[in-house]
C-alpha atoms as a PDB file:
ATOM      1  CA  UNK A   1      -0.124   0.053   0.005  1.00  0.00           C
ATOM      2  CA  UNK A   2       1.113   3.287  -0.646  1.00  0.00           C
ATOM      3  CA  UNK A   3       0.533   6.165   1.450  1.00  0.00           C
ATOM      4  CA  UNK A   4       0.463   9.826   0.423  1.00  0.00           C
ATOM      5  CA  UNK A   5       3.598  11.760   1.871  1.00  0.00           C
ATOM      6  CA  UNK A   6       5.394   8.680   2.729  1.00  0.00           C
ATOM      7  CA  UNK A   7       8.971   8.866   0.895  1.00  0.00           C
ATOM      8  CA  UNK A   8       9.545   5.638  -1.219  1.00  0.00           C
ATOM      9  CA  UNK A   9      12.804   4.287  -2.361  1.00  0.00           C
ATOM     10  CA  UNK A  10      12.917   3.115  -5.928  1.00  0.00           C
ATOM     11  CA  UNK A  11      15.555   1.021  -7.626  1.00  0.00           C
ATOM     12  CA  UNK A  12      15.545   1.253 -11.521  1.00  0.00           C
ATOM     13  CA  UNK A  13      17.545  -1.196 -13.551  1.00  0.00           C
ATOM     14  CA  UNK A  14      17.897  -0.452 -17.423  1.00  0.00           C
ATOM     15  CA  UNK A  15      19.100  -3.009 -19.924  1.00  0.00           C
ATOM     16  CA  UNK A  16      20.988  -3.027 -23.279  1.00  0.00           C
ATOM     17  CA  UNK A  17      17.802  -3.993 -24.919  1.00  0.00           C
ATOM     18  CA  UNK A  18      16.243  -0.648 -23.850  1.00  0.00           C
ATOM     19  CA  UNK A  19      13.875  -2.377 -21.187  1.00  0.00           C
ATOM     20  CA  UNK A  20      13.906  -1.445 -17.758  1.00  0.00           C
ATOM     21  CA  UNK A  21      12.504  -2.716 -14.404  1.00  0.00           C
ATOM     22  CA  UNK A  22      11.941  -0.836 -11.239  1.00  0.00           C
ATOM     23  CA  UNK A  23      11.322  -1.961  -7.521  1.00  0.00           C
ATOM     24  CA  UNK A  24       9.717   0.140  -5.247  1.00  0.00           C
ATOM     25  CA  UNK A  25      11.057  -0.315  -1.723  1.00  0.00           C
ATOM     26  CA  UNK A  26      10.303   0.833   2.025  1.00  0.00           C
ATOM     27  CA  UNK A  27      11.398   4.222   3.263  1.00  0.00           C
ATOM     28  CA  UNK A  28      14.909   4.132   4.910  1.00  0.00           C
ATOM     29  CA  UNK A  29      15.654   3.106   8.407  1.00  0.00           C
ATOM     30  CA  UNK A  30      16.547   6.806   9.278  1.00  0.00           C
ATOM     31  CA  UNK A  31      12.962   7.851   8.245  1.00  0.00           C
ATOM     32  CA  UNK A  32      11.310   5.095  10.560  1.00  0.00           C
ATOM     33  CA  UNK A  33      13.756   5.907  13.503  1.00  0.00           C
ATOM     34  CA  UNK A  34      12.962   9.756  13.350  1.00  0.00           C
ATOM     35  CA  UNK A  35       9.042   9.228  12.861  1.00  0.00           C
ATOM     36  CA  UNK A  36       9.110   6.636  16.055  1.00  0.00           C
ATOM     37  CA  UNK A  37      11.156   9.190  18.060  1.00  0.00           C
ATOM     38  CA  UNK A  38       8.667  12.170  16.940  1.00  0.00           C
ATOM     39  CA  UNK A  39      11.544  14.113  15.560  1.00  0.00           C
ATOM     40  CA  UNK A  40      12.156  15.988  12.300  1.00  0.00           C
ATOM     41  CA  UNK A  41      15.772  15.463  12.262  1.00  0.00           C
ATOM     42  CA  UNK A  42      18.568  14.197  14.533  1.00  0.00           C
ATOM     43  CA  UNK A  43      21.299  15.904  16.450  1.00  0.00           C
ATOM     44  CA  UNK A  44      23.781  17.789  14.226  1.00  0.00           C
ATOM     45  CA  UNK A  45      26.582  16.284  15.908  1.00  0.00           C
ATOM     46  CA  UNK A  46      25.298  12.990  17.230  1.00  0.00           C
ATOM     47  CA  UNK A  47      26.555  13.895  20.835  1.00  0.00           C
ATOM     48  CA  UNK A  48      23.452  15.803  22.222  1.00  0.00           C
ATOM     49  CA  UNK A  49      20.452  13.473  23.004  1.00  0.00           C
ATOM     50  CA  UNK A  50      17.330  14.705  21.137  1.00  0.00           C
ATOM     51  CA  UNK A  51      14.864  11.704  21.578  1.00  0.00           C
ATOM     52  CA  UNK A  52      14.475   8.249  23.039  1.00  0.00           C
ATOM     53  CA  UNK A  53      13.435   5.019  21.419  1.00  0.00           C
ATOM     54  CA  UNK A  54      12.906   1.687  23.191  1.00  0.00           C
ATOM     55  CA  UNK A  55      14.484  -1.548  22.251  1.00  0.00           C
ATOM     56  CA  UNK A  56      10.950  -2.815  21.292  1.00  0.00           C
ATOM     57  CA  UNK A  57      10.223  -0.098  18.837  1.00  0.00           C
ATOM     58  CA  UNK A  58      13.531  -0.592  17.095  1.00  0.00           C
ATOM     59  CA  UNK A  59      12.816  -4.407  17.001  1.00  0.00           C
ATOM     60  CA  UNK A  60       9.474  -3.468  15.356  1.00  0.00           C
ATOM     61  CA  UNK A  61      11.098  -1.308  12.737  1.00  0.00           C
ATOM     62  CA  UNK A  62      13.689  -3.873  12.102  1.00  0.00           C
ATOM     63  CA  UNK A  63      10.914  -6.515  11.422  1.00  0.00           C
ATOM     64  CA  UNK A  64       9.357  -3.904   8.656  1.00  0.00           C
ATOM     65  CA  UNK A  65      12.620  -3.426   7.078  1.00  0.00           C
ATOM     66  CA  UNK A  66      13.791  -7.079   7.004  1.00  0.00           C
ATOM     67  CA  UNK A  67      11.013  -7.871   4.646  1.00  0.00           C
ATOM     68  CA  UNK A  68      13.135  -5.965   2.033  1.00  0.00           C
ATOM     69  CA  UNK A  69      15.163  -8.569   0.078  1.00  0.00           C
ATOM     70  CA  UNK A  70      18.206  -6.679  -0.446  1.00  0.00           C
ATOM     71  CA  UNK A  71      18.397  -6.104   3.413  1.00  0.00           C
ATOM     72  CA  UNK A  72      18.285  -9.994   3.818  1.00  0.00           C
ATOM     73  CA  UNK A  73      21.087 -10.497   1.863  1.00  0.00           C
ATOM     74  CA  UNK A  74      23.066  -7.728   3.828  1.00  0.00           C
ATOM     75  CA  UNK A  75      22.117  -8.751   7.206  1.00  0.00           C
ATOM     76  CA  UNK A  76      21.933 -12.550   7.790  1.00  0.00           C
ATOM     77  CA  UNK A  77      19.855 -11.976  10.914  1.00  0.00           C
ATOM     78  CA  UNK A  78      17.182  -9.590  12.516  1.00  0.00           C
ATOM     79  CA  UNK A  79      19.434  -9.185  15.250  1.00  0.00           C
ATOM     80  CA  UNK A  80      22.164  -7.900  12.976  1.00  0.00           C
ATOM     81  CA  UNK A  81      19.749  -5.418  11.685  1.00  0.00           C
ATOM     82  CA  UNK A  82      18.504  -4.361  15.007  1.00  0.00           C
ATOM     83  CA  UNK A  83      22.117  -3.777  16.145  1.00  0.00           C
ATOM     84  CA  UNK A  84      22.816  -1.592  13.196  1.00  0.00           C
ATOM     85  CA  UNK A  85      19.635   0.273  13.699  1.00  0.00           C
ATOM     86  CA  UNK A  86      20.761   0.976  17.411  1.00  0.00           C
ATOM     87  CA  UNK A  87      24.103   2.195  15.933  1.00  0.00           C
ATOM     88  CA  UNK A  88      22.368   4.563  13.668  1.00  0.00           C
ATOM     89  CA  UNK A  89      20.062   5.889  16.652  1.00  0.00           C
ATOM     90  CA  UNK A  90      23.506   6.759  18.387  1.00  0.00           C
ATOM     91  CA  UNK A  91      24.695   8.778  15.648  1.00  0.00           C
ATOM     92  CA  UNK A  92      21.458  10.523  15.147  1.00  0.00           C
ATOM     93  CA  UNK A  93      21.643  11.489  19.095  1.00  0.00           C
ATOM     94  CA  UNK A  94      18.694   9.033  19.795  1.00  0.00           C
ATOM     95  CA  UNK A  95      19.125   7.181  23.051  1.00  0.00           C
ATOM     96  CA  UNK A  96      18.042   3.631  23.110  1.00  0.00           C
ATOM     97  CA  UNK A  97      16.530   2.093  26.294  1.00  0.00           C
ATOM     98  CA  UNK A  98      15.296  -1.195  27.559  1.00  0.00           C
ATOM     99  CA  UNK A  99      11.858  -0.532  29.112  1.00  0.00           C
ATOM    100  CA  UNK A 100      12.001  -3.860  31.202  1.00  0.00           C
ATOM    101  CA  UNK A 101      14.381  -2.565  33.982  1.00  0.00           C
ATOM    102  CA  UNK A 102      12.545   0.262  34.566  1.00  0.00           C
ATOM    103  CA  UNK A 103       9.108  -1.755  35.237  1.00  0.00           C
ATOM    104  CA  UNK A 104      11.066  -3.973  37.504  1.00  0.00           C
ATOM    105  CA  UNK A 105      12.391  -1.006  39.717  1.00  0.00           C
ATOM    106  CA  UNK A 106       8.951   0.560  39.783  1.00  0.00           C
ATOM    107  CA  UNK A 107       7.489  -2.754  40.779  1.00  0.00           C
ATOM    108  CA  UNK A 108      10.060  -3.000  43.704  1.00  0.00           C
ATOM    109  CA  UNK A 109       9.337   0.565  44.884  1.00  0.00           C
ATOM    110  CA  UNK A 110       5.593  -0.066  45.254  1.00  0.00           C
ATOM    111  CA  UNK A 111       5.937  -3.325  47.240  1.00  0.00           C
ATOM    112  CA  UNK A 112       8.334  -1.411  49.884  1.00  0.00           C
END
């Protein structure tokens, strides 16, 4: 499904017999990461923290992106793609956190 305003990647291949094929791909991982963090752009130098994403959100984006056959060839596992996306978050100034320890800490405080 195509959505208005959603940036799409297109790969065009032309051949010697004057024919061509084109593939419409999903938007880049950067687009999804910024959208999930509710940002228009990342930090200019990558050192300032401008947003936060949970590991769960990154996993969901990676599952969506992993449907792309070219990414399946580049990353042998979904975990490898997740690690790459976490590295991208770091360079964009997006902090990645695991929500599970926060829940445990909150539960322990409420029991005391």
